[in-house]
Amino acid sequence: LTLVDANAGIQVRATLALEPSGLLL
């Protein structure tokens, strides 16, 4: 996911991954 606040000049990239064990990274 990519989220931005254009007015504040900030971008956040988030990666969520469910591993084969079911552990969320």
PDB file of all heavy atoms in Angstrom:
ATOM      1  N   LEU A   1       0.840  -1.192   0.000  1.00  0.00           N
ATOM      2  CA  LEU A   1       0.000   0.000   0.000  1.00  0.00           C
ATOM      3  C   LEU A   1       0.874   1.240   0.000  1.00  0.00           C
ATOM      4  O   LEU A   1       1.908   1.285   0.673  1.00  0.00           O
ATOM      5  CB  LEU A   1      -0.915   0.023   1.228  1.00  0.00           C
ATOM      6  CG  LEU A   1      -1.709  -1.254   1.546  1.00  0.00           C
ATOM      7  CD1 LEU A   1      -2.477  -1.084   2.843  1.00  0.00           C
ATOM      8  CD2 LEU A   1      -2.654  -1.584   0.396  1.00  0.00           C
ATOM      9  N   THR A   2       0.429   2.266  -0.727  1.00  0.00           N
ATOM     10  CA  THR A   2       1.087   3.567  -0.707  1.00  0.00           C
ATOM     11  C   THR A   2       0.062   4.605  -0.296  1.00  0.00           C
ATOM     12  O   THR A   2      -0.997   4.734  -0.926  1.00  0.00           O
ATOM     13  CB  THR A   2       1.663   3.921  -2.086  1.00  0.00           C
ATOM     14  OG1 THR A   2       2.572   2.900  -2.502  1.00  0.00           O
ATOM     15  CG2 THR A   2       2.399   5.253  -2.030  1.00  0.00           C
ATOM     16  N   LEU A   3       0.372   5.335   0.778  1.00  0.00           N
ATOM     17  CA  LEU A   3      -0.510   6.379   1.281  1.00  0.00           C
ATOM     18  C   LEU A   3       0.263   7.689   1.284  1.00  0.00           C
ATOM     19  O   LEU A   3       1.458   7.712   1.603  1.00  0.00           O
ATOM     20  CB  LEU A   3      -1.008   6.058   2.691  1.00  0.00           C
ATOM     21  CG  LEU A   3      -1.793   4.744   2.841  1.00  0.00           C
ATOM     22  CD1 LEU A   3      -0.886   3.665   3.429  1.00  0.00           C
ATOM     23  CD2 LEU A   3      -3.022   4.935   3.721  1.00  0.00           C
ATOM     24  N   VAL A   4      -0.419   8.786   0.949  1.00  0.00           N
ATOM     25  CA  VAL A   4       0.263  10.075   0.870  1.00  0.00           C
ATOM     26  C   VAL A   4      -0.577  11.154   1.539  1.00  0.00           C
ATOM     27  O   VAL A   4      -1.816  11.089   1.577  1.00  0.00           O
ATOM     28  CB  VAL A   4       0.549  10.479  -0.599  1.00  0.00           C
ATOM     29  CG1 VAL A   4       1.450   9.464  -1.276  1.00  0.00           C
ATOM     30  CG2 VAL A   4      -0.733  10.660  -1.383  1.00  0.00           C
ATOM     31  N   ASP A   5       0.121  12.143   2.055  1.00  0.00           N
ATOM     32  CA  ASP A   5      -0.479  13.415   2.429  1.00  0.00           C
ATOM     33  C   ASP A   5       0.242  14.457   1.585  1.00  0.00           C
ATOM     34  O   ASP A   5       1.361  14.877   1.909  1.00  0.00           O
ATOM     35  CB  ASP A   5      -0.297  13.697   3.926  1.00  0.00           C
ATOM     36  CG  ASP A   5      -1.011  14.970   4.369  1.00  0.00           C
ATOM     37  OD1 ASP A   5      -1.144  15.896   3.532  1.00  0.00           O
ATOM     38  OD2 ASP A   5      -1.401  15.067   5.546  1.00  0.00           O
ATOM     39  N   ALA A   6      -0.389  14.834   0.469  1.00  0.00           N
ATOM     40  CA  ALA A   6       0.273  15.736  -0.475  1.00  0.00           C
ATOM     41  C   ALA A   6       0.528  17.097   0.136  1.00  0.00           C
ATOM     42  O   ALA A   6       1.552  17.737  -0.146  1.00  0.00           O
ATOM     43  CB  ALA A   6      -0.584  15.871  -1.735  1.00  0.00           C
ATOM     44  N   ASN A   7      -0.374  17.563   0.989  1.00  0.00           N
ATOM     45  CA  ASN A   7      -0.197  18.876   1.604  1.00  0.00           C
ATOM     46  C   ASN A   7       0.980  18.886   2.570  1.00  0.00           C
ATOM     47  O   ASN A   7       1.755  19.848   2.621  1.00  0.00           O
ATOM     48  CB  ASN A   7      -1.471  19.294   2.334  1.00  0.00           C
ATOM     49  CG  ASN A   7      -2.621  19.551   1.388  1.00  0.00           C
ATOM     50  OD1 ASN A   7      -2.402  20.000   0.250  1.00  0.00           O
ATOM     51  ND2 ASN A   7      -3.830  19.270   1.826  1.00  0.00           N
ATOM     52  N   ALA A   8       1.122  17.821   3.323  1.00  0.00           N
ATOM     53  CA  ALA A   8       2.215  17.748   4.302  1.00  0.00           C
ATOM     54  C   ALA A   8       3.514  17.275   3.669  1.00  0.00           C
ATOM     55  O   ALA A   8       4.585  17.404   4.283  1.00  0.00           O
ATOM     56  CB  ALA A   8       1.834  16.806   5.447  1.00  0.00           C
ATOM     57  N   GLY A   9       3.455  16.726   2.469  1.00  0.00           N
ATOM     58  CA  GLY A   9       4.666  16.236   1.815  1.00  0.00           C
ATOM     59  C   GLY A   9       5.208  14.970   2.444  1.00  0.00           C
ATOM     60  O   GLY A   9       6.416  14.827   2.650  1.00  0.00           O
ATOM     61  N   ILE A  10       4.315  14.029   2.732  1.00  0.00           N
ATOM     62  CA  ILE A  10       4.697  12.766   3.372  1.00  0.00           C
ATOM     63  C   ILE A  10       4.093  11.596   2.601  1.00  0.00           C
ATOM     64  O   ILE A  10       2.915  11.623   2.219  1.00  0.00           O
ATOM     65  CB  ILE A  10       4.233  12.718   4.841  1.00  0.00           C
ATOM     66  CG1 ILE A  10       4.940  13.783   5.666  1.00  0.00           C
ATOM     67  CG2 ILE A  10       4.480  11.325   5.439  1.00  0.00           C
ATOM     68  CD1 ILE A  10       6.454  13.624   5.748  1.00  0.00           C
ATOM     69  N   GLN A  11       4.903  10.571   2.384  1.00  0.00           N
ATOM     70  CA  GLN A  11       4.443   9.322   1.784  1.00  0.00           C
ATOM     71  C   GLN A  11       4.799   8.174   2.708  1.00  0.00           C
ATOM     72  O   GLN A  11       5.898   8.133   3.266  1.00  0.00           O
ATOM     73  CB  GLN A  11       5.111   9.111   0.427  1.00  0.00           C
ATOM     74  CG  GLN A  11       4.815   7.748  -0.205  1.00  0.00           C
ATOM     75  CD  GLN A  11       5.597   7.531  -1.473  1.00  0.00           C
ATOM     76  OE1 GLN A  11       5.200   7.983  -2.541  1.00  0.00           O
ATOM     77  NE2 GLN A  11       6.725   6.848  -1.371  1.00  0.00           N
ATOM     78  N   VAL A  12       3.881   7.234   2.868  1.00  0.00           N
ATOM     79  CA  VAL A  12       4.131   6.023   3.654  1.00  0.00           C
ATOM     80  C   VAL A  12       3.839   4.811   2.784  1.00  0.00           C
ATOM     81  O   VAL A  12       2.749   4.708   2.189  1.00  0.00           O
ATOM     82  CB  VAL A  12       3.268   5.972   4.936  1.00  0.00           C
ATOM     83  CG1 VAL A  12       3.508   4.654   5.676  1.00  0.00           C
ATOM     84  CG2 VAL A  12       3.584   7.150   5.844  1.00  0.00           C
ATOM     85  N   ARG A  13       4.815   3.937   2.679  1.00  0.00           N
ATOM     86  CA  ARG A  13       4.610   2.651   2.027  1.00  0.00           C
ATOM     87  C   ARG A  13       4.519   1.575   3.096  1.00  0.00           C
ATOM     88  O   ARG A  13       5.368   1.519   4.004  1.00  0.00           O
ATOM     89  CB  ARG A  13       5.763   2.333   1.074  1.00  0.00           C
ATOM     90  CG  ARG A  13       5.831   3.230  -0.149  1.00  0.00           C
ATOM     91  CD  ARG A  13       6.947   2.776  -1.086  1.00  0.00           C
ATOM     92  NE  ARG A  13       7.078   3.630  -2.246  1.00  0.00           N
ATOM     93  CZ  ARG A  13       6.380   3.491  -3.361  1.00  0.00           C
ATOM     94  NH1 ARG A  13       5.495   2.501  -3.467  1.00  0.00           N
ATOM     95  NH2 ARG A  13       6.557   4.307  -4.384  1.00  0.00           N
ATOM     96  N   ALA A  14       3.513   0.738   2.981  1.00  0.00           N
ATOM     97  CA  ALA A  14       3.314  -0.345   3.949  1.00  0.00           C
ATOM     98  C   ALA A  14       3.196  -1.666   3.205  1.00  0.00           C
ATOM     99  O   ALA A  14       2.481  -1.759   2.203  1.00  0.00           O
ATOM    100  CB  ALA A  14       2.061  -0.100   4.788  1.00  0.00           C
ATOM    101  N   THR A  15       3.902  -2.656   3.719  1.00  0.00           N
ATOM    102  CA  THR A  15       3.816  -4.006   3.164  1.00  0.00           C
ATOM    103  C   THR A  15       3.356  -4.942   4.268  1.00  0.00           C
ATOM    104  O   THR A  15       3.942  -4.964   5.359  1.00  0.00           O
ATOM    105  CB  THR A  15       5.173  -4.475   2.618  1.00  0.00           C
ATOM    106  OG1 THR A  15       5.614  -3.565   1.609  1.00  0.00           O
ATOM    107  CG2 THR A  15       5.070  -5.871   2.042  1.00  0.00           C
ATOM    108  N   LEU A  16       2.304  -5.703   3.984  1.00  0.00           N
ATOM    109  CA  LEU A  16       1.787  -6.701   4.903  1.00  0.00           C
ATOM    110  C   LEU A  16       1.882  -8.057   4.218  1.00  0.00           C
ATOM    111  O   LEU A  16       1.379  -8.217   3.093  1.00  0.00           O
ATOM    112  CB  LEU A  16       0.335  -6.411   5.289  1.00  0.00           C
ATOM    113  CG  LEU A  16       0.060  -5.051   5.943  1.00  0.00           C
ATOM    114  CD1 LEU A  16      -0.378  -4.042   4.884  1.00  0.00           C
ATOM    115  CD2 LEU A  16      -1.007  -5.167   7.026  1.00  0.00           C
ATOM    116  N   ALA A  17       2.523  -9.013   4.876  1.00  0.00           N
ATOM    117  CA  ALA A  17       2.724 -10.323   4.261  1.00  0.00           C
ATOM    118  C   ALA A  17       2.386 -11.417   5.264  1.00  0.00           C
ATOM    119  O   ALA A  17       2.907 -11.423   6.385  1.00  0.00           O
ATOM    120  CB  ALA A  17       4.167 -10.474   3.792  1.00  0.00           C
ATOM    121  N   LEU A  18       1.507 -12.315   4.852  1.00  0.00           N
ATOM    122  CA  LEU A  18       1.223 -13.509   5.645  1.00  0.00           C
ATOM    123  C   LEU A  18       2.166 -14.620   5.181  1.00  0.00           C
ATOM    124  O   LEU A  18       2.129 -15.034   4.026  1.00  0.00           O
ATOM    125  CB  LEU A  18      -0.227 -13.957   5.478  1.00  0.00           C
ATOM    126  CG  LEU A  18      -1.262 -13.395   6.446  1.00  0.00           C
ATOM    127  CD1 LEU A  18      -2.643 -13.921   6.098  1.00  0.00           C
ATOM    128  CD2 LEU A  18      -0.925 -13.740   7.898  1.00  0.00           C
ATOM    129  N   GLU A  19       3.010 -15.081   6.095  1.00  0.00           N
ATOM    130  CA  GLU A  19       3.976 -16.120   5.770  1.00  0.00           C
ATOM    131  C   GLU A  19       3.303 -17.493   5.767  1.00  0.00           C
ATOM    132  O   GLU A  19       2.182 -17.653   6.267  1.00  0.00           O
ATOM    133  CB  GLU A  19       5.113 -16.091   6.790  1.00  0.00           C
ATOM    134  CG  GLU A  19       5.939 -14.821   6.739  1.00  0.00           C
ATOM    135  CD  GLU A  19       6.696 -14.693   5.444  1.00  0.00           C
ATOM    136  OE1 GLU A  19       7.585 -15.531   5.183  1.00  0.00           O
ATOM    137  OE2 GLU A  19       6.397 -13.756   4.671  1.00  0.00           O
ATOM    138  N   PRO A  20       3.965 -18.517   5.213  1.00  0.00           N
ATOM    139  CA  PRO A  20       3.367 -19.861   5.228  1.00  0.00           C
ATOM    140  C   PRO A  20       2.985 -20.347   6.623  1.00  0.00           C
ATOM    141  O   PRO A  20       2.069 -21.165   6.765  1.00  0.00           O
ATOM    142  CB  PRO A  20       4.470 -20.725   4.609  1.00  0.00           C
ATOM    143  CG  PRO A  20       5.210 -19.798   3.703  1.00  0.00           C
ATOM    144  CD  PRO A  20       5.198 -18.469   4.406  1.00  0.00           C
ATOM    145  N   SER A  21       3.654 -19.849   7.656  1.00  0.00           N
ATOM    146  CA  SER A  21       3.326 -20.242   9.030  1.00  0.00           C
ATOM    147  C   SER A  21       2.089 -19.533   9.556  1.00  0.00           C
ATOM    148  O   SER A  21       1.582 -19.875  10.633  1.00  0.00           O
ATOM    149  CB  SER A  21       4.500 -19.920   9.956  1.00  0.00           C
ATOM    150  OG  SER A  21       4.659 -18.516  10.098  1.00  0.00           O
ATOM    151  N   GLY A  22       1.597 -18.517   8.835  1.00  0.00           N
ATOM    152  CA  GLY A  22       0.510 -17.695   9.335  1.00  0.00           C
ATOM    153  C   GLY A  22       0.986 -16.478  10.096  1.00  0.00           C
ATOM    154  O   GLY A  22       0.167 -15.668  10.550  1.00  0.00           O
ATOM    155  N   LEU A  23       2.307 -16.318  10.237  1.00  0.00           N
ATOM    156  CA  LEU A  23       2.861 -15.144  10.890  1.00  0.00           C
ATOM    157  C   LEU A  23       2.715 -13.942   9.958  1.00  0.00           C
ATOM    158  O   LEU A  23       3.026 -14.023   8.770  1.00  0.00           O
ATOM    159  CB  LEU A  23       4.334 -15.374  11.221  1.00  0.00           C
ATOM    160  CG  LEU A  23       5.013 -14.362  12.146  1.00  0.00           C
ATOM    161  CD1 LEU A  23       4.444 -14.442  13.551  1.00  0.00           C
ATOM    162  CD2 LEU A  23       6.525 -14.593  12.176  1.00  0.00           C
ATOM    163  N   LEU A  24       2.232 -12.828  10.501  1.00  0.00           N
ATOM    164  CA  LEU A  24       2.049 -11.606   9.731  1.00  0.00           C
ATOM    165  C   LEU A  24       3.266 -10.703   9.910  1.00  0.00           C
ATOM    166  O   LEU A  24       3.652 -10.380  11.036  1.00  0.00           O
ATOM    167  CB  LEU A  24       0.787 -10.873  10.192  1.00  0.00           C
ATOM    168  CG  LEU A  24       0.527  -9.497   9.569  1.00  0.00           C
ATOM    169  CD1 LEU A  24       0.237  -9.630   8.075  1.00  0.00           C
ATOM    170  CD2 LEU A  24      -0.629  -8.795  10.289  1.00  0.00           C
ATOM    171  N   LEU A  25       3.885 -10.304   8.800  1.00  0.00           N
ATOM    172  CA  LEU A  25       5.022  -9.389   8.807  1.00  0.00           C
ATOM    173  C   LEU A  25       4.560  -8.039   8.276  1.00  0.00           C
ATOM    174  O   LEU A  25       3.930  -7.967   7.208  1.00  0.00           O
ATOM    175  CB  LEU A  25       6.152  -9.916   7.928  1.00  0.00           C
ATOM    176  CG  LEU A  25       7.126 -10.943   8.520  1.00  0.00           C
ATOM    177  CD1 LEU A  25       6.421 -12.126   9.129  1.00  0.00           C
ATOM    178  CD2 LEU A  25       8.116 -11.404   7.451  1.00  0.00           C
TER     179      LEU A  25
END
